[in-house]
Amino acid sequence: LMPGVSWRQGFALETAMTFLLMNTALHTADDFRAAGLMAPWARGSTLTFCILLGYPLTGASLSPARTLGPNLFAGLLFATPGTLVYFTAPFVGAWLAAALWKCLALMQVPRVKRDPQ
């Protein structure tokens, strides 16, 4: 975490950014929404937005793997107290996005396939 950013602020920001990214990924991959050719653009622009928003404050990890590898080889795995944020917040954000997607999927009326004849 950058200086001036508390553990709670970093946790909330990393959770929100992961939620946005996972929510976009789930909804553009969903059969009901059929994003088509706009799906890669939506995912890429969401990732860009999250990085531009979060990098100055938390480094915009958005993934435990992105933090684990460099910190493990540099010997900084638990050197700073804010490192735990990068291992917990993405799981919370992804779980919230999956829960929202599941709730919205359960509320949808199933499509009835019509016979092409």
Protein backbone atom coordinates (compact mmCIF):
# COMPACT_ATOMS: atom_id res chain seq x y z
CA LEU A 1 0.00 0.00 0.00
CA MET A 2 1.17 3.49 -0.75
CA PRO A 3 1.93 5.91 2.10
CA GLY A 4 -1.22 7.56 3.41
CA VAL A 5 -3.49 4.63 2.47
CA SER A 6 -4.77 2.68 5.46
CA TRP A 7 -5.29 -1.08 5.50
CA ARG A 8 -9.07 -0.62 5.41
CA GLN A 9 -8.96 1.82 2.52
CA GLY A 10 -6.67 -0.47 0.56
CA PHE A 11 -8.87 -3.48 1.30
CA ALA A 12 -12.01 -1.64 0.18
CA LEU A 13 -10.37 -0.37 -3.00
CA GLU A 14 -8.86 -3.73 -3.98
CA THR A 15 -12.19 -5.45 -3.25
CA ALA A 16 -14.12 -2.93 -5.36
CA MET A 17 -11.68 -3.13 -8.28
CA THR A 18 -11.72 -6.94 -8.29
CA PHE A 19 -15.52 -6.87 -8.06
CA LEU A 20 -15.71 -4.60 -11.12
CA LEU A 21 -13.32 -6.75 -13.14
CA MET A 22 -14.95 -10.06 -12.19
CA ASN A 23 -18.44 -8.65 -12.68
CA THR A 24 -17.52 -7.51 -16.19
CA ALA A 25 -15.95 -10.88 -17.00
CA LEU A 26 -18.98 -12.82 -15.78
CA HIS A 27 -21.58 -10.67 -17.49
CA THR A 28 -19.81 -10.53 -20.83
CA ALA A 29 -19.34 -14.32 -20.82
CA ASP A 30 -22.97 -14.98 -19.92
CA ASP A 31 -25.13 -16.57 -22.63
CA PHE A 32 -28.12 -14.41 -21.76
CA ARG A 33 -26.35 -11.15 -22.39
CA ALA A 34 -24.54 -12.04 -25.64
CA ALA A 35 -21.98 -9.23 -25.56
CA GLY A 36 -20.42 -10.56 -28.75
CA LEU A 37 -17.51 -8.58 -30.13
CA MET A 38 -17.73 -5.98 -27.38
CA ALA A 39 -16.76 -8.46 -24.62
CA PRO A 40 -12.97 -8.08 -25.02
CA TRP A 41 -13.31 -4.31 -25.22
CA ALA A 42 -15.45 -4.24 -22.07
CA ARG A 43 -13.01 -6.41 -20.13
CA GLY A 44 -9.95 -4.49 -21.32
CA SER A 45 -11.44 -1.09 -20.59
CA THR A 46 -12.56 -2.23 -17.13
CA LEU A 47 -9.06 -3.49 -16.37
CA THR A 48 -7.56 -0.23 -17.65
CA PHE A 49 -9.97 1.80 -15.51
CA CYS A 50 -9.14 -0.24 -12.40
CA ILE A 51 -5.40 0.10 -12.95
CA LEU A 52 -5.60 3.85 -13.57
CA LEU A 53 -7.76 4.29 -10.48
CA GLY A 54 -5.94 1.97 -8.11
CA TYR A 55 -2.28 2.09 -9.07
CA PRO A 56 -1.49 5.38 -7.31
CA LEU A 57 -3.15 4.14 -4.11
CA THR A 58 -2.58 0.39 -3.81
CA GLY A 59 -0.60 -0.66 -6.85
CA ALA A 60 -3.74 -2.21 -8.37
CA SER A 61 -2.82 -5.83 -7.76
CA LEU A 62 -6.29 -7.25 -8.55
CA SER A 63 -4.88 -10.77 -8.24
CA PRO A 64 -3.05 -12.62 -5.48
CA ALA A 65 -0.77 -14.23 -8.07
CA ARG A 66 0.43 -10.84 -9.29
CA THR A 67 1.60 -10.03 -5.77
CA LEU A 68 2.73 -13.48 -4.62
CA GLY A 69 5.34 -14.14 -7.30
CA PRO A 70 7.39 -10.95 -7.10
CA ASN A 71 7.13 -10.74 -3.30
CA LEU A 72 8.13 -14.36 -2.85
CA PHE A 73 11.28 -14.07 -4.95
CA ALA A 74 12.21 -10.67 -3.52
CA GLY A 75 11.85 -11.94 0.04
CA LEU A 76 9.12 -9.40 0.81
CA LEU A 77 6.23 -11.81 1.28
CA PHE A 78 5.16 -10.47 4.67
CA ALA A 79 7.60 -7.58 5.01
CA THR A 80 4.88 -4.93 4.96
CA PRO A 81 1.62 -5.08 6.93
CA GLY A 82 -0.43 -4.19 3.85
CA THR A 83 0.57 -7.33 1.95
CA LEU A 84 -2.32 -9.27 3.45
CA VAL A 85 -4.71 -6.94 1.61
CA TYR A 86 -3.52 -8.33 -1.72
CA PHE A 87 -4.24 -11.91 -0.65
CA THR A 88 -7.69 -11.37 0.86
CA ALA A 89 -9.43 -8.52 -0.96
CA PRO A 90 -9.44 -10.13 -4.45
CA PHE A 91 -11.19 -13.22 -3.08
CA VAL A 92 -13.85 -11.10 -1.40
CA GLY A 93 -14.39 -9.00 -4.54
CA ALA A 94 -14.62 -12.06 -6.78
CA TRP A 95 -17.01 -13.78 -4.38
CA LEU A 96 -19.29 -10.72 -4.28
CA ALA A 97 -19.31 -10.51 -8.10
CA ALA A 98 -20.12 -14.21 -8.39
CA ALA A 99 -22.91 -13.89 -5.82
CA LEU A 100 -24.42 -10.93 -7.71
CA TRP A 101 -24.18 -12.79 -11.02
CA LYS A 102 -25.85 -15.86 -9.52
CA CYS A 103 -28.69 -13.79 -8.02
CA LEU A 104 -29.29 -12.02 -11.33
CA ALA A 105 -29.15 -15.33 -13.22
CA LEU A 106 -31.77 -16.84 -10.90
CA MET A 107 -34.08 -13.87 -11.46
CA GLN A 108 -34.04 -14.18 -15.26
CA VAL A 109 -36.88 -15.77 -17.14
CA PRO A 110 -35.57 -18.70 -19.18
CA ARG A 111 -35.74 -18.32 -22.93
CA VAL A 112 -38.05 -20.59 -24.84
CA LYS A 113 -36.50 -22.03 -27.96
CA ARG A 114 -38.80 -21.87 -30.91
CA ASP A 115 -38.86 -24.48 -33.57
CA PRO A 116 -37.24 -23.02 -36.74
CA GLN A 117 -39.98 -24.50 -38.95
